Amino acid sequence: MKPPSPPVSQFDFWNGSAGARWVREQARLDRAFTPIQNEALRVAHAATGEQVLDVGCGCGASTAALAESVGARGTVVGVDISAPMLAVARQRLEAQSQASFLEADAARATFSAPFDLVFSRFGVMFFDDRVAAFSNLRRALAPRGRLCFVCWQSRENNPWYSRPLAAVAPFLGTVPETPDTEPGPFAFAARDGVLHLLAAAGFAHADARSFETPIEFSSNGLDEAVTFAIAAGPIARLMLEASDELVGRTRAALEVALSPHLAGGRVALPASVWIVTAHA
């Protein structure tokens, strides 16, 4: 086993290996997250002519959907710290004049115009100072503005994440997990903690509703599902320097772990998120 790597800043992480991986696997990830994104967009209900801020917009899938909702009379600003992902987002939305992008840390950026809606699909769990970050987002809202974001529930409630990791742990080791008190994908797993955080940041009427849906690893059989798990799933970080022998062992272990979830060529594993709403 290699010694643990030193901590990497969020900026370096999303402009380095993680950003490159999300760009490379954009289509797979967009497909996997579409049911969650659609439900969050339904709850957010961006309306024609509204001004929307899309936090942690990544490669622009949520920005594109929001731009369609607000129409030509509205605007959507996608903000992210990842230059590689923003390059993809700008290219895929270059024909939509109501969409623009800002390379910045949403926790600290100053936004010029008040927004009717601040939206995020998995983009707000990585803030260092959570209260300060959400206070900044609240200041970006118009007086009657609203917040809607998606975050993961616990690892235990997300077999799409935990089962591939468990399958390879005996020979690959485990992904160093950040405590839920620190920035990371499961930082907002505790519903009450999220609601208390938003209250501390000055939001009103905060609520978090549970949404469960399968995450599709493949619509074309087991081999594609294994490839997705290795390239874009939770074990991707463990595979960065894996030898051919380890890749072979990993594929074999994942085939065993994922085969119970194969039905009619489709492989999908359960996922649980919070869809969080609040008002300025």
C-alpha atoms as a PDB file:
ATOM      1  CA  MET A   1       0.000   0.000   0.000  1.00  0.00           C
ATOM      2  CA  LYS A   2       1.156   3.503  -0.832  1.00  0.00           C
ATOM      3  CA  PRO A   3       1.272   6.101   1.941  1.00  0.00           C
ATOM      4  CA  PRO A   4      -1.709   8.507   1.900  1.00  0.00           C
ATOM      5  CA  SER A   5      -1.356  11.472  -0.407  1.00  0.00           C
ATOM      6  CA  PRO A   6      -1.307  14.957   1.099  1.00  0.00           C
ATOM      7  CA  PRO A   7      -4.605  16.856   1.012  1.00  0.00           C
ATOM      8  CA  VAL A   8      -5.419  18.528  -2.298  1.00  0.00           C
ATOM      9  CA  SER A   9      -7.256  21.847  -2.416  1.00  0.00           C
ATOM     10  CA  GLN A  10     -10.681  21.936  -4.018  1.00  0.00           C
ATOM     11  CA  PHE A  11      -9.279  24.224  -6.723  1.00  0.00           C
ATOM     12  CA  ASP A  12      -6.466  21.813  -7.570  1.00  0.00           C
ATOM     13  CA  PHE A  13      -8.762  18.798  -7.364  1.00  0.00           C
ATOM     14  CA  TRP A  14     -11.394  20.139  -9.798  1.00  0.00           C
ATOM     15  CA  ASN A  15      -8.794  21.626 -12.133  1.00  0.00           C
ATOM     16  CA  GLY A  16      -6.737  18.434 -12.066  1.00  0.00           C
ATOM     17  CA  SER A  17      -7.683  14.769 -12.121  1.00  0.00           C
ATOM     18  CA  ALA A  18     -11.316  15.181 -11.089  1.00  0.00           C
ATOM     19  CA  GLY A  19     -12.040  17.901 -13.640  1.00  0.00           C
ATOM     20  CA  ALA A  20     -10.379  15.902 -16.409  1.00  0.00           C
ATOM     21  CA  ARG A  21     -12.333  12.789 -15.454  1.00  0.00           C
ATOM     22  CA  TRP A  22     -15.672  14.619 -15.429  1.00  0.00           C
ATOM     23  CA  VAL A  23     -14.942  16.108 -18.836  1.00  0.00           C
ATOM     24  CA  ARG A  24     -13.995  12.700 -20.230  1.00  0.00           C
ATOM     25  CA  GLU A  25     -17.047  10.981 -18.731  1.00  0.00           C
ATOM     26  CA  GLN A  26     -19.490  13.865 -19.195  1.00  0.00           C
ATOM     27  CA  ALA A  27     -22.041  11.932 -21.255  1.00  0.00           C
ATOM     28  CA  ARG A  28     -22.112   8.953 -18.873  1.00  0.00           C
ATOM     29  CA  LEU A  29     -22.400  11.155 -15.792  1.00  0.00           C
ATOM     30  CA  ASP A  30     -25.117  13.343 -17.299  1.00  0.00           C
ATOM     31  CA  ARG A  31     -27.114  10.216 -18.148  1.00  0.00           C
ATOM     32  CA  ALA A  32     -26.643   8.773 -14.664  1.00  0.00           C
ATOM     33  CA  PHE A  33     -27.741  11.962 -12.904  1.00  0.00           C
ATOM     34  CA  THR A  34     -30.627  12.888 -15.245  1.00  0.00           C
ATOM     35  CA  PRO A  35     -33.456  11.515 -13.017  1.00  0.00           C
ATOM     36  CA  ILE A  36     -32.092  13.407 -10.005  1.00  0.00           C
ATOM     37  CA  GLN A  37     -31.553  16.587 -11.985  1.00  0.00           C
ATOM     38  CA  ASN A  38     -35.060  16.430 -13.465  1.00  0.00           C
ATOM     39  CA  GLU A  39     -36.681  16.067 -10.050  1.00  0.00           C
ATOM     40  CA  ALA A  40     -34.634  18.941  -8.618  1.00  0.00           C
ATOM     41  CA  LEU A  41     -35.559  21.141 -11.575  1.00  0.00           C
ATOM     42  CA  ARG A  42     -39.211  20.271 -11.065  1.00  0.00           C
ATOM     43  CA  VAL A  43     -38.970  21.349  -7.424  1.00  0.00           C
ATOM     44  CA  ALA A  44     -36.999  24.516  -8.272  1.00  0.00           C
ATOM     45  CA  HIS A  45     -39.529  25.495 -10.951  1.00  0.00           C
ATOM     46  CA  ALA A  46     -37.443  28.049 -12.823  1.00  0.00           C
ATOM     47  CA  ALA A  47     -39.934  30.205 -14.688  1.00  0.00           C
ATOM     48  CA  THR A  48     -39.854  32.136 -17.932  1.00  0.00           C
ATOM     49  CA  GLY A  49     -37.890  35.380 -17.590  1.00  0.00           C
ATOM     50  CA  GLU A  50     -36.210  34.541 -14.280  1.00  0.00           C
ATOM     51  CA  GLN A  51     -32.571  35.213 -13.398  1.00  0.00           C
ATOM     52  CA  VAL A  52     -30.849  32.042 -12.172  1.00  0.00           C
ATOM     53  CA  LEU A  53     -27.453  31.246 -10.660  1.00  0.00           C
ATOM     54  CA  ASP A  54     -26.273  27.649 -11.210  1.00  0.00           C
ATOM     55  CA  VAL A  55     -23.648  26.854  -8.551  1.00  0.00           C
ATOM     56  CA  GLY A  56     -21.061  24.205  -9.375  1.00  0.00           C
ATOM     57  CA  CYS A  57     -22.421  23.992 -12.913  1.00  0.00           C
ATOM     58  CA  GLY A  58     -19.629  21.712 -14.122  1.00  0.00           C
ATOM     59  CA  CYS A  59     -19.977  20.769 -17.776  1.00  0.00           C
ATOM     60  CA  GLY A  60     -23.255  22.653 -18.067  1.00  0.00           C
ATOM     61  CA  ALA A  61     -26.006  20.006 -18.122  1.00  0.00           C
ATOM     62  CA  SER A  62     -28.048  21.742 -15.412  1.00  0.00           C
ATOM     63  CA  THR A  63     -27.305  25.165 -16.913  1.00  0.00           C
ATOM     64  CA  ALA A  64     -28.696  24.026 -20.261  1.00  0.00           C
ATOM     65  CA  ALA A  65     -31.894  22.756 -18.640  1.00  0.00           C
ATOM     66  CA  LEU A  66     -32.324  25.971 -16.654  1.00  0.00           C
ATOM     67  CA  ALA A  67     -31.719  28.078 -19.776  1.00  0.00           C
ATOM     68  CA  GLU A  68     -34.512  26.206 -21.520  1.00  0.00           C
ATOM     69  CA  SER A  69     -36.836  26.875 -18.581  1.00  0.00           C
ATOM     70  CA  VAL A  70     -36.217  30.630 -18.339  1.00  0.00           C
ATOM     71  CA  GLY A  71     -36.292  31.178 -22.093  1.00  0.00           C
ATOM     72  CA  ALA A  72     -34.872  34.059 -24.081  1.00  0.00           C
ATOM     73  CA  ARG A  73     -36.174  36.668 -21.599  1.00  0.00           C
ATOM     74  CA  GLY A  74     -34.330  35.093 -18.681  1.00  0.00           C
ATOM     75  CA  THR A  75     -30.676  34.559 -17.846  1.00  0.00           C
ATOM     76  CA  VAL A  76     -28.657  31.769 -16.299  1.00  0.00           C
ATOM     77  CA  VAL A  77     -25.155  32.252 -14.915  1.00  0.00           C
ATOM     78  CA  GLY A  78     -23.201  29.054 -14.361  1.00  0.00           C
ATOM     79  CA  VAL A  79     -20.378  29.373 -11.835  1.00  0.00           C
ATOM     80  CA  ASP A  80     -17.641  26.818 -11.166  1.00  0.00           C
ATOM     81  CA  ILE A  81     -13.983  26.688 -10.125  1.00  0.00           C
ATOM     82  CA  SER A  82     -13.102  24.056 -12.749  1.00  0.00           C
ATOM     83  CA  ALA A  83     -11.691  25.605 -15.930  1.00  0.00           C
ATOM     84  CA  PRO A  84     -11.754  22.282 -17.856  1.00  0.00           C
ATOM     85  CA  MET A  85     -15.430  21.717 -17.144  1.00  0.00           C
ATOM     86  CA  LEU A  86     -16.359  25.328 -17.885  1.00  0.00           C
ATOM     87  CA  ALA A  87     -14.678  25.031 -21.279  1.00  0.00           C
ATOM     88  CA  VAL A  88     -17.053  22.174 -22.108  1.00  0.00           C
ATOM     89  CA  ALA A  89     -20.038  24.091 -20.731  1.00  0.00           C
ATOM     90  CA  ARG A  90     -19.287  27.174 -22.812  1.00  0.00           C
ATOM     91  CA  GLN A  91     -18.951  25.086 -25.952  1.00  0.00           C
ATOM     92  CA  ARG A  92     -22.177  23.140 -25.472  1.00  0.00           C
ATOM     93  CA  LEU A  93     -24.204  26.302 -24.713  1.00  0.00           C
ATOM     94  CA  GLU A  94     -22.607  28.729 -27.163  1.00  0.00           C
ATOM     95  CA  ALA A  95     -25.884  29.018 -29.098  1.00  0.00           C
ATOM     96  CA  GLN A  96     -27.927  29.934 -25.992  1.00  0.00           C
ATOM     97  CA  SER A  97     -27.454  33.651 -25.453  1.00  0.00           C
ATOM     98  CA  GLN A  98     -29.273  33.613 -22.109  1.00  0.00           C
ATOM     99  CA  ALA A  99     -26.527  31.437 -20.595  1.00  0.00           C
ATOM    100  CA  SER A 100     -23.128  32.683 -19.443  1.00  0.00           C
ATOM    101  CA  PHE A 101     -20.373  31.273 -17.264  1.00  0.00           C
ATOM    102  CA  LEU A 102     -18.119  32.544 -14.525  1.00  0.00           C
ATOM    103  CA  GLU A 103     -14.936  30.864 -13.319  1.00  0.00           C
ATOM    104  CA  ALA A 104     -15.037  31.667  -9.626  1.00  0.00           C
ATOM    105  CA  ASP A 105     -15.587  30.298  -6.137  1.00  0.00           C
ATOM    106  CA  ALA A 106     -19.292  30.824  -5.485  1.00  0.00           C
ATOM    107  CA  ALA A 107     -18.580  30.972  -1.758  1.00  0.00           C
ATOM    108  CA  ARG A 108     -16.706  34.257  -2.169  1.00  0.00           C
ATOM    109  CA  ALA A 109     -17.692  35.718  -5.541  1.00  0.00           C
ATOM    110  CA  THR A 110     -19.572  38.996  -5.776  1.00  0.00           C
ATOM    111  CA  PHE A 111     -22.496  38.729  -8.182  1.00  0.00           C
ATOM    112  CA  SER A 112     -23.637  41.847  -9.991  1.00  0.00           C
ATOM    113  CA  ALA A 113     -27.379  41.233 -10.253  1.00  0.00           C
ATOM    114  CA  PRO A 114     -29.855  39.690  -7.797  1.00  0.00           C
ATOM    115  CA  PHE A 115     -31.131  36.254  -8.770  1.00  0.00           C
ATOM    116  CA  ASP A 116     -34.617  34.835  -8.477  1.00  0.00           C
ATOM    117  CA  LEU A 117     -33.215  31.346  -7.991  1.00  0.00           C
ATOM    118  CA  VAL A 118     -29.916  29.865  -6.830  1.00  0.00           C
ATOM    119  CA  PHE A 119     -29.735  26.252  -8.006  1.00  0.00           C
ATOM    120  CA  SER A 120     -27.134  23.524  -7.607  1.00  0.00           C
ATOM    121  CA  ARG A 121     -26.807  19.883  -8.571  1.00  0.00           C
ATOM    122  CA  PHE A 122     -24.175  18.449  -6.203  1.00  0.00           C
ATOM    123  CA  GLY A 123     -22.169  21.685  -6.208  1.00  0.00           C
ATOM    124  CA  VAL A 124     -22.454  23.014  -2.658  1.00  0.00           C
ATOM    125  CA  MET A 125     -21.040  20.243  -0.439  1.00  0.00           C
ATOM    126  CA  PHE A 126     -17.422  21.323  -0.879  1.00  0.00           C
ATOM    127  CA  PHE A 127     -17.459  24.758   0.785  1.00  0.00           C
ATOM    128  CA  ASP A 128     -14.815  25.242   3.479  1.00  0.00           C
ATOM    129  CA  ASP A 129     -16.774  27.787   5.535  1.00  0.00           C
ATOM    130  CA  ARG A 130     -20.330  26.655   4.975  1.00  0.00           C
ATOM    131  CA  VAL A 131     -22.157  29.411   6.827  1.00  0.00           C
ATOM    132  CA  ALA A 132     -20.147  32.137   5.080  1.00  0.00           C
ATOM    133  CA  ALA A 133     -20.661  30.470   1.693  1.00  0.00           C
ATOM    134  CA  PHE A 134     -24.417  30.156   2.037  1.00  0.00           C
ATOM    135  CA  SER A 135     -24.628  33.677   3.443  1.00  0.00           C
ATOM    136  CA  ASN A 136     -22.919  34.832   0.261  1.00  0.00           C
ATOM    137  CA  LEU A 137     -25.418  32.914  -1.876  1.00  0.00           C
ATOM    138  CA  ARG A 138     -28.295  34.398   0.119  1.00  0.00           C
ATOM    139  CA  ARG A 139     -26.964  37.889  -0.599  1.00  0.00           C
ATOM    140  CA  ALA A 140     -26.998  37.024  -4.297  1.00  0.00           C
ATOM    141  CA  LEU A 141     -30.747  36.434  -4.156  1.00  0.00           C
ATOM    142  CA  ALA A 142     -33.483  38.981  -4.737  1.00  0.00           C
ATOM    143  CA  PRO A 143     -35.620  39.712  -1.632  1.00  0.00           C
ATOM    144  CA  ARG A 144     -38.172  37.069  -2.651  1.00  0.00           C
ATOM    145  CA  GLY A 145     -35.577  34.757  -4.146  1.00  0.00           C
ATOM    146  CA  ARG A 146     -35.255  31.070  -3.409  1.00  0.00           C
ATOM    147  CA  LEU A 147     -32.619  28.366  -3.114  1.00  0.00           C
ATOM    148  CA  CYS A 148     -32.806  24.792  -4.406  1.00  0.00           C
ATOM    149  CA  PHE A 149     -29.970  22.280  -4.351  1.00  0.00           C
ATOM    150  CA  VAL A 150     -29.339  18.546  -4.426  1.00  0.00           C
ATOM    151  CA  CYS A 151     -26.958  16.742  -2.059  1.00  0.00           C
ATOM    152  CA  TRP A 152     -26.283  13.103  -1.244  1.00  0.00           C
ATOM    153  CA  GLN A 153     -27.730  11.350   1.753  1.00  0.00           C
ATOM    154  CA  SER A 154     -25.471   8.967   3.688  1.00  0.00           C
ATOM    155  CA  ARG A 155     -23.113   6.464   2.090  1.00  0.00           C
ATOM    156  CA  GLU A 156     -25.274   3.689   3.554  1.00  0.00           C
ATOM    157  CA  ASN A 157     -28.273   5.034   1.644  1.00  0.00           C
ATOM    158  CA  ASN A 158     -26.298   5.109  -1.612  1.00  0.00           C
ATOM    159  CA  PRO A 159     -25.407   1.575  -2.736  1.00  0.00           C
ATOM    160  CA  TRP A 160     -24.344   2.957  -6.138  1.00  0.00           C
ATOM    161  CA  TYR A 161     -21.378   4.375  -4.207  1.00  0.00           C
ATOM    162  CA  SER A 162     -20.755   1.865  -1.427  1.00  0.00           C
ATOM    163  CA  ARG A 163     -21.097  -1.480  -3.230  1.00  0.00           C
ATOM    164  CA  PRO A 164     -18.397  -0.969  -5.891  1.00  0.00           C
ATOM    165  CA  LEU A 165     -16.046   0.251  -3.175  1.00  0.00           C
ATOM    166  CA  ALA A 166     -16.742  -2.751  -0.984  1.00  0.00           C
ATOM    167  CA  ALA A 167     -16.128  -5.109  -3.903  1.00  0.00           C
ATOM    168  CA  VAL A 168     -12.589  -3.875  -4.548  1.00  0.00           C
ATOM    169  CA  ALA A 169     -11.525  -2.967  -1.003  1.00  0.00           C
ATOM    170  CA  PRO A 170      -9.795  -6.331  -0.316  1.00  0.00           C
ATOM    171  CA  PHE A 171      -7.118  -5.672  -2.959  1.00  0.00           C
ATOM    172  CA  LEU A 172      -7.350  -1.956  -3.861  1.00  0.00           C
ATOM    173  CA  GLY A 173      -7.830  -0.569  -0.394  1.00  0.00           C
ATOM    174  CA  THR A 174     -10.419   2.065   0.397  1.00  0.00           C
ATOM    175  CA  VAL A 175     -10.955   5.640  -0.711  1.00  0.00           C
ATOM    176  CA  PRO A 176      -9.913   7.946   2.148  1.00  0.00           C
ATOM    177  CA  GLU A 177     -13.281   9.220   3.321  1.00  0.00           C
ATOM    178  CA  THR A 178     -13.652  12.756   4.572  1.00  0.00           C
ATOM    179  CA  PRO A 179     -15.667  13.061   7.791  1.00  0.00           C
ATOM    180  CA  ASP A 180     -19.185  14.372   7.306  1.00  0.00           C
ATOM    181  CA  THR A 181     -18.135  17.458   9.253  1.00  0.00           C
ATOM    182  CA  GLU A 182     -15.714  18.413   6.437  1.00  0.00           C
ATOM    183  CA  PRO A 183     -16.195  19.366   2.772  1.00  0.00           C
ATOM    184  CA  GLY A 184     -16.912  16.347   0.599  1.00  0.00           C
ATOM    185  CA  PRO A 185     -19.655  14.538  -1.295  1.00  0.00           C
ATOM    186  CA  PHE A 186     -21.446  13.401   1.881  1.00  0.00           C
ATOM    187  CA  ALA A 187     -20.977  16.588   3.890  1.00  0.00           C
ATOM    188  CA  PHE A 188     -24.746  17.222   3.922  1.00  0.00           C
ATOM    189  CA  ALA A 189     -25.885  13.661   4.604  1.00  0.00           C
ATOM    190  CA  ALA A 190     -27.583  14.687   7.861  1.00  0.00           C
ATOM    191  CA  ARG A 191     -30.876  16.435   7.103  1.00  0.00           C
ATOM    192  CA  ASP A 192     -31.073  18.359  10.383  1.00  0.00           C
ATOM    193  CA  GLY A 193     -27.519  19.610   9.936  1.00  0.00           C
ATOM    194  CA  VAL A 194     -28.375  21.060   6.526  1.00  0.00           C
ATOM    195  CA  LEU A 195     -31.454  22.827   7.860  1.00  0.00           C
ATOM    196  CA  HIS A 196     -29.538  24.299  10.814  1.00  0.00           C
ATOM    197  CA  LEU A 197     -26.795  25.471   8.470  1.00  0.00           C
ATOM    198  CA  LEU A 198     -29.251  27.321   6.241  1.00  0.00           C
ATOM    199  CA  ALA A 199     -30.888  28.961   9.239  1.00  0.00           C
ATOM    200  CA  ALA A 200     -27.466  30.108  10.457  1.00  0.00           C
ATOM    201  CA  ALA A 201     -26.825  31.598   7.003  1.00  0.00           C
ATOM    202  CA  GLY A 202     -30.037  33.629   7.211  1.00  0.00           C
ATOM    203  CA  PHE A 203     -32.369  31.528   5.056  1.00  0.00           C
ATOM    204  CA  ALA A 204     -36.014  31.022   5.953  1.00  0.00           C
ATOM    205  CA  HIS A 205     -38.469  28.150   5.435  1.00  0.00           C
ATOM    206  CA  ALA A 206     -35.721  25.610   4.776  1.00  0.00           C
ATOM    207  CA  ASP A 207     -36.848  22.098   3.921  1.00  0.00           C
ATOM    208  CA  ALA A 208     -35.172  18.899   2.684  1.00  0.00           C
ATOM    209  CA  ARG A 209     -37.207  16.207   1.006  1.00  0.00           C
ATOM    210  CA  SER A 210     -35.917  12.744   0.263  1.00  0.00           C
ATOM    211  CA  PHE A 211     -35.717  11.476  -3.308  1.00  0.00           C
ATOM    212  CA  GLU A 212     -34.736   7.934  -4.210  1.00  0.00           C
ATOM    213  CA  THR A 213     -33.953   6.714  -7.704  1.00  0.00           C
ATOM    214  CA  PRO A 214     -31.706   4.148  -9.381  1.00  0.00           C
ATOM    215  CA  ILE A 215     -28.482   5.445 -10.901  1.00  0.00           C
ATOM    216  CA  GLU A 216     -27.927   3.802 -14.246  1.00  0.00           C
ATOM    217  CA  PHE A 217     -24.450   2.375 -14.756  1.00  0.00           C
ATOM    218  CA  SER A 218     -25.345   0.901 -18.128  1.00  0.00           C
ATOM    219  CA  SER A 219     -28.215   0.365 -20.537  1.00  0.00           C
ATOM    220  CA  ASN A 220     -26.107  -2.033 -22.580  1.00  0.00           C
ATOM    221  CA  GLY A 221     -25.049  -4.867 -20.337  1.00  0.00           C
ATOM    222  CA  LEU A 222     -22.613  -5.695 -17.569  1.00  0.00           C
ATOM    223  CA  ASP A 223     -19.361  -4.853 -19.356  1.00  0.00           C
ATOM    224  CA  GLU A 224     -20.425  -1.238 -19.897  1.00  0.00           C
ATOM    225  CA  ALA A 225     -21.486  -0.999 -16.245  1.00  0.00           C
ATOM    226  CA  VAL A 226     -18.076  -2.179 -15.070  1.00  0.00           C
ATOM    227  CA  THR A 227     -16.386   0.341 -17.361  1.00  0.00           C
ATOM    228  CA  PHE A 228     -18.544   3.131 -15.918  1.00  0.00           C
ATOM    229  CA  ALA A 229     -17.725   2.101 -12.351  1.00  0.00           C
ATOM    230  CA  ILE A 230     -14.010   2.187 -13.105  1.00  0.00           C
ATOM    231  CA  ALA A 231     -13.988   5.376 -15.177  1.00  0.00           C
ATOM    232  CA  ALA A 232     -16.524   7.563 -13.415  1.00  0.00           C
ATOM    233  CA  GLY A 233     -17.700   5.863 -10.261  1.00  0.00           C
ATOM    234  CA  PRO A 234     -16.384   6.059  -6.695  1.00  0.00           C
ATOM    235  CA  ILE A 235     -13.402   3.778  -7.329  1.00  0.00           C
ATOM    236  CA  ALA A 236     -12.011   5.921 -10.166  1.00  0.00           C
ATOM    237  CA  ARG A 237      -9.509   7.578  -7.801  1.00  0.00           C
ATOM    238  CA  LEU A 238      -8.162   4.173  -6.814  1.00  0.00           C
ATOM    239  CA  MET A 239      -7.571   3.241 -10.448  1.00  0.00           C
ATOM    240  CA  LEU A 240      -5.381   6.170 -11.472  1.00  0.00           C
ATOM    241  CA  GLU A 241      -2.140   4.196 -11.247  1.00  0.00           C
ATOM    242  CA  ALA A 242      -3.477   0.637 -11.290  1.00  0.00           C
ATOM    243  CA  SER A 243      -1.486  -2.045 -13.071  1.00  0.00           C
ATOM    244  CA  ASP A 244      -3.019  -4.243 -15.753  1.00  0.00           C
ATOM    245  CA  GLU A 245      -3.215  -7.047 -13.200  1.00  0.00           C
ATOM    246  CA  LEU A 246      -5.152  -4.855 -10.762  1.00  0.00           C
ATOM    247  CA  VAL A 247      -7.471  -3.629 -13.512  1.00  0.00           C
ATOM    248  CA  GLY A 248      -8.261  -7.243 -14.367  1.00  0.00           C
ATOM    249  CA  ARG A 249      -8.970  -8.134 -10.742  1.00  0.00           C
ATOM    250  CA  THR A 250     -11.097  -5.017 -10.382  1.00  0.00           C
ATOM    251  CA  ARG A 251     -13.201  -5.836 -13.426  1.00  0.00           C
ATOM    252  CA  ALA A 252     -13.771  -9.376 -12.186  1.00  0.00           C
ATOM    253  CA  ALA A 253     -14.800  -8.191  -8.703  1.00  0.00           C
ATOM    254  CA  LEU A 254     -17.134  -5.553 -10.125  1.00  0.00           C
ATOM    255  CA  GLU A 255     -18.788  -8.070 -12.428  1.00  0.00           C
ATOM    256  CA  VAL A 256     -19.659 -10.154  -9.385  1.00  0.00           C
ATOM    257  CA  ALA A 257     -20.869  -7.122  -7.393  1.00  0.00           C
ATOM    258  CA  LEU A 258     -22.942  -5.593 -10.191  1.00  0.00           C
ATOM    259  CA  SER A 259     -24.439  -8.716 -11.746  1.00  0.00           C
ATOM    260  CA  PRO A 260     -27.345  -8.876  -9.224  1.00  0.00           C
ATOM    261  CA  HIS A 261     -28.392  -5.440 -10.506  1.00  0.00           C
ATOM    262  CA  LEU A 262     -28.534  -6.507 -14.166  1.00  0.00           C
ATOM    263  CA  ALA A 263     -32.020  -6.663 -15.649  1.00  0.00           C
ATOM    264  CA  GLY A 264     -32.789  -6.674 -19.361  1.00  0.00           C
ATOM    265  CA  GLY A 265     -29.371  -5.268 -20.247  1.00  0.00           C
ATOM    266  CA  ARG A 266     -29.695  -2.424 -17.737  1.00  0.00           C
ATOM    267  CA  VAL A 267     -27.534  -2.106 -14.635  1.00  0.00           C
ATOM    268  CA  ALA A 268     -28.734   0.379 -12.013  1.00  0.00           C
ATOM    269  CA  LEU A 269     -28.075   0.763  -8.285  1.00  0.00           C
ATOM    270  CA  PRO A 270     -30.111   2.634  -5.663  1.00  0.00           C
ATOM    271  CA  ALA A 271     -29.346   6.255  -4.798  1.00  0.00           C
ATOM    272  CA  SER A 272     -30.807   8.644  -2.221  1.00  0.00           C
ATOM    273  CA  VAL A 273     -30.520  12.427  -2.176  1.00  0.00           C
ATOM    274  CA  TRP A 274     -31.931  15.409  -0.352  1.00  0.00           C
ATOM    275  CA  ILE A 275     -33.593  18.075  -2.454  1.00  0.00           C
ATOM    276  CA  VAL A 276     -33.193  21.142  -0.291  1.00  0.00           C
ATOM    277  CA  THR A 277     -35.206  24.342  -0.617  1.00  0.00           C
ATOM    278  CA  ALA A 278     -35.143  27.661   1.251  1.00  0.00           C
ATOM    279  CA  HIS A 279     -36.044  31.319   0.807  1.00  0.00           C
ATOM    280  CA  ALA A 280     -34.013  34.490   1.196  1.00  0.00           C
END
